[in-house]
Amino acid sequence: MMTVLLNLEAIAQVLLTNISSLQVLSLLLITQ
């Protein structure tokens, strides 16, 4: 059970980092 929770937390962190990087890329594209 704990491994499932840890995996979900890791996936959530990856999704958050991907979303933030996508926001940065979109901001860079908009400013150009």
PDB file of N, CA and C in Angstrom:
ATOM      1  N   MET A   1       0.840  -1.205   0.000  1.00  0.00           N
ATOM      2  CA  MET A   1       0.000   0.000   0.000  1.00  0.00           C
ATOM      3  C   MET A   1       0.873   1.252   0.000  1.00  0.00           C
ATOM      4  N   MET A   2       1.934   1.224   0.790  1.00  0.00           N
ATOM      5  CA  MET A   2       2.795   2.406   0.857  1.00  0.00           C
ATOM      6  C   MET A   2       3.473   2.669  -0.476  1.00  0.00           C
ATOM      7  N   THR A   3       3.837   1.598  -1.175  1.00  0.00           N
ATOM      8  CA  THR A   3       4.522   1.791  -2.461  1.00  0.00           C
ATOM      9  C   THR A   3       3.590   2.468  -3.463  1.00  0.00           C
ATOM     10  N   VAL A   4       2.301   2.137  -3.401  1.00  0.00           N
ATOM     11  CA  VAL A   4       1.335   2.771  -4.315  1.00  0.00           C
ATOM     12  C   VAL A   4       1.249   4.260  -4.024  1.00  0.00           C
ATOM     13  N   LEU A   5       1.204   4.610  -2.730  1.00  0.00           N
ATOM     14  CA  LEU A   5       1.136   6.028  -2.363  1.00  0.00           C
ATOM     15  C   LEU A   5       2.397   6.755  -2.811  1.00  0.00           C
ATOM     16  N   LEU A   6       3.557   6.118  -2.635  1.00  0.00           N
ATOM     17  CA  LEU A   6       4.808   6.751  -3.049  1.00  0.00           C
ATOM     18  C   LEU A   6       4.836   6.937  -4.557  1.00  0.00           C
ATOM     19  N   ASN A   7       4.351   5.946  -5.291  1.00  0.00           N
ATOM     20  CA  ASN A   7       4.316   6.062  -6.753  1.00  0.00           C
ATOM     21  C   ASN A   7       3.385   7.187  -7.181  1.00  0.00           C
ATOM     22  N   LEU A   8       2.227   7.299  -6.542  1.00  0.00           N
ATOM     23  CA  LEU A   8       1.292   8.376  -6.876  1.00  0.00           C
ATOM     24  C   LEU A   8       1.923   9.732  -6.588  1.00  0.00           C
ATOM     25  N   GLU A   9       2.646   9.841  -5.470  1.00  0.00           N
ATOM     26  CA  GLU A   9       3.299  11.106  -5.124  1.00  0.00           C
ATOM     27  C   GLU A   9       4.359  11.459  -6.150  1.00  0.00           C
ATOM     28  N   ALA A  10       5.129  10.462  -6.581  1.00  0.00           N
ATOM     29  CA  ALA A  10       6.168  10.700  -7.586  1.00  0.00           C
ATOM     30  C   ALA A  10       5.536  11.137  -8.902  1.00  0.00           C
ATOM     31  N   ILE A  11       4.447  10.483  -9.291  1.00  0.00           N
ATOM     32  CA  ILE A  11       3.758  10.851 -10.534  1.00  0.00           C
ATOM     33  C   ILE A  11       3.220  12.275 -10.432  1.00  0.00           C
ATOM     34  N   ALA A  12       2.660  12.625  -9.277  1.00  0.00           N
ATOM     35  CA  ALA A  12       2.119  13.974  -9.086  1.00  0.00           C
ATOM     36  C   ALA A  12       3.229  15.013  -9.206  1.00  0.00           C
ATOM     37  N   GLN A  13       4.404  14.731  -8.628  1.00  0.00           N
ATOM     38  CA  GLN A  13       5.525  15.663  -8.721  1.00  0.00           C
ATOM     39  C   GLN A  13       5.967  15.826 -10.162  1.00  0.00           C
ATOM     40  N   VAL A  14       6.029  14.732 -10.912  1.00  0.00           N
ATOM     41  CA  VAL A  14       6.435  14.809 -12.319  1.00  0.00           C
ATOM     42  C   VAL A  14       5.430  15.634 -13.113  1.00  0.00           C
ATOM     43  N   LEU A  15       4.137  15.403 -12.848  1.00  0.00           N
ATOM     44  CA  LEU A  15       3.107  16.170 -13.561  1.00  0.00           C
ATOM     45  C   LEU A  15       3.227  17.651 -13.237  1.00  0.00           C
ATOM     46  N   LEU A  16       3.471  17.978 -11.958  1.00  0.00           N
ATOM     47  CA  LEU A  16       3.594  19.385 -11.570  1.00  0.00           C
ATOM     48  C   LEU A  16       4.783  20.034 -12.256  1.00  0.00           C
ATOM     49  N   THR A  17       5.913  19.334 -12.306  1.00  0.00           N
ATOM     50  CA  THR A  17       7.101  19.910 -12.939  1.00  0.00           C
ATOM     51  C   THR A  17       6.879  20.071 -14.434  1.00  0.00           C
ATOM     52  N   ASN A  18       6.187  19.102 -15.055  1.00  0.00           N
ATOM     53  CA  ASN A  18       5.906  19.205 -16.486  1.00  0.00           C
ATOM     54  C   ASN A  18       4.983  20.382 -16.766  1.00  0.00           C
ATOM     55  N   ILE A  19       3.969  20.565 -15.927  1.00  0.00           N
ATOM     56  CA  ILE A  19       3.025  21.678 -16.122  1.00  0.00           C
ATOM     57  C   ILE A  19       3.757  23.010 -15.968  1.00  0.00           C
ATOM     58  N   SER A  20       4.616  23.126 -14.959  1.00  0.00           N
ATOM     59  CA  SER A  20       5.331  24.382 -14.749  1.00  0.00           C
ATOM     60  C   SER A  20       6.262  24.667 -15.915  1.00  0.00           C
ATOM     61  N   SER A  21       6.939  23.651 -16.425  1.00  0.00           N
ATOM     62  CA  SER A  21       7.847  23.849 -17.558  1.00  0.00           C
ATOM     63  C   SER A  21       7.054  24.234 -18.803  1.00  0.00           C
ATOM     64  N   LEU A  22       5.861  23.645 -18.973  1.00  0.00           N
ATOM     65  CA  LEU A  22       5.019  24.002 -20.120  1.00  0.00           C
ATOM     66  C   LEU A  22       4.564  25.452 -20.005  1.00  0.00           C
ATOM     67  N   GLN A  23       4.247  25.910 -18.795  1.00  0.00           N
ATOM     68  CA  GLN A  23       3.842  27.298 -18.602  1.00  0.00           C
ATOM     69  C   GLN A  23       4.987  28.235 -18.943  1.00  0.00           C
ATOM     70  N   VAL A  24       6.203  27.890 -18.527  1.00  0.00           N
ATOM     71  CA  VAL A  24       7.369  28.719 -18.834  1.00  0.00           C
ATOM     72  C   VAL A  24       7.587  28.775 -20.337  1.00  0.00           C
ATOM     73  N   LEU A  25       7.481  27.630 -21.008  1.00  0.00           N
ATOM     74  CA  LEU A  25       7.667  27.603 -22.464  1.00  0.00           C
ATOM     75  C   LEU A  25       6.603  28.435 -23.166  1.00  0.00           C
ATOM     76  N   SER A  26       5.362  28.335 -22.722  1.00  0.00           N
ATOM     77  CA  SER A  26       4.286  29.113 -23.351  1.00  0.00           C
ATOM     78  C   SER A  26       4.515  30.603 -23.132  1.00  0.00           C
ATOM     79  N   LEU A  27       4.985  30.976 -21.938  1.00  0.00           N
ATOM     80  CA  LEU A  27       5.275  32.392 -21.676  1.00  0.00           C
ATOM     81  C   LEU A  27       6.389  32.882 -22.582  1.00  0.00           C
ATOM     82  N   LEU A  28       7.425  32.070 -22.765  1.00  0.00           N
ATOM     83  CA  LEU A  28       8.527  32.463 -23.648  1.00  0.00           C
ATOM     84  C   LEU A  28       8.035  32.622 -25.078  1.00  0.00           C
ATOM     85  N   LEU A  29       7.162  31.715 -25.518  1.00  0.00           N
ATOM     86  CA  LEU A  29       6.643  31.803 -26.888  1.00  0.00           C
ATOM     87  C   LEU A  29       5.770  33.046 -27.054  1.00  0.00           C
ATOM     88  N   ILE A  30       4.992  33.380 -26.039  1.00  0.00           N
ATOM     89  CA  ILE A  30       4.095  34.544 -26.131  1.00  0.00           C
ATOM     90  C   ILE A  30       4.909  35.834 -26.198  1.00  0.00           C
ATOM     91  N   THR A  31       5.988  35.913 -25.422  1.00  0.00           N
ATOM     92  CA  THR A  31       6.761  37.156 -25.363  1.00  0.00           C
ATOM     93  C   THR A  31       7.557  37.378 -26.637  1.00  0.00           C
ATOM     94  N   GLN A  32       7.852  36.325 -27.391  1.00  0.00           N
ATOM     95  CA  GLN A  32       8.668  36.499 -28.594  1.00  0.00           C
ATOM     96  C   GLN A  32       7.874  37.128 -29.733  1.00  0.00           C
TER      97      GLN A  32
END
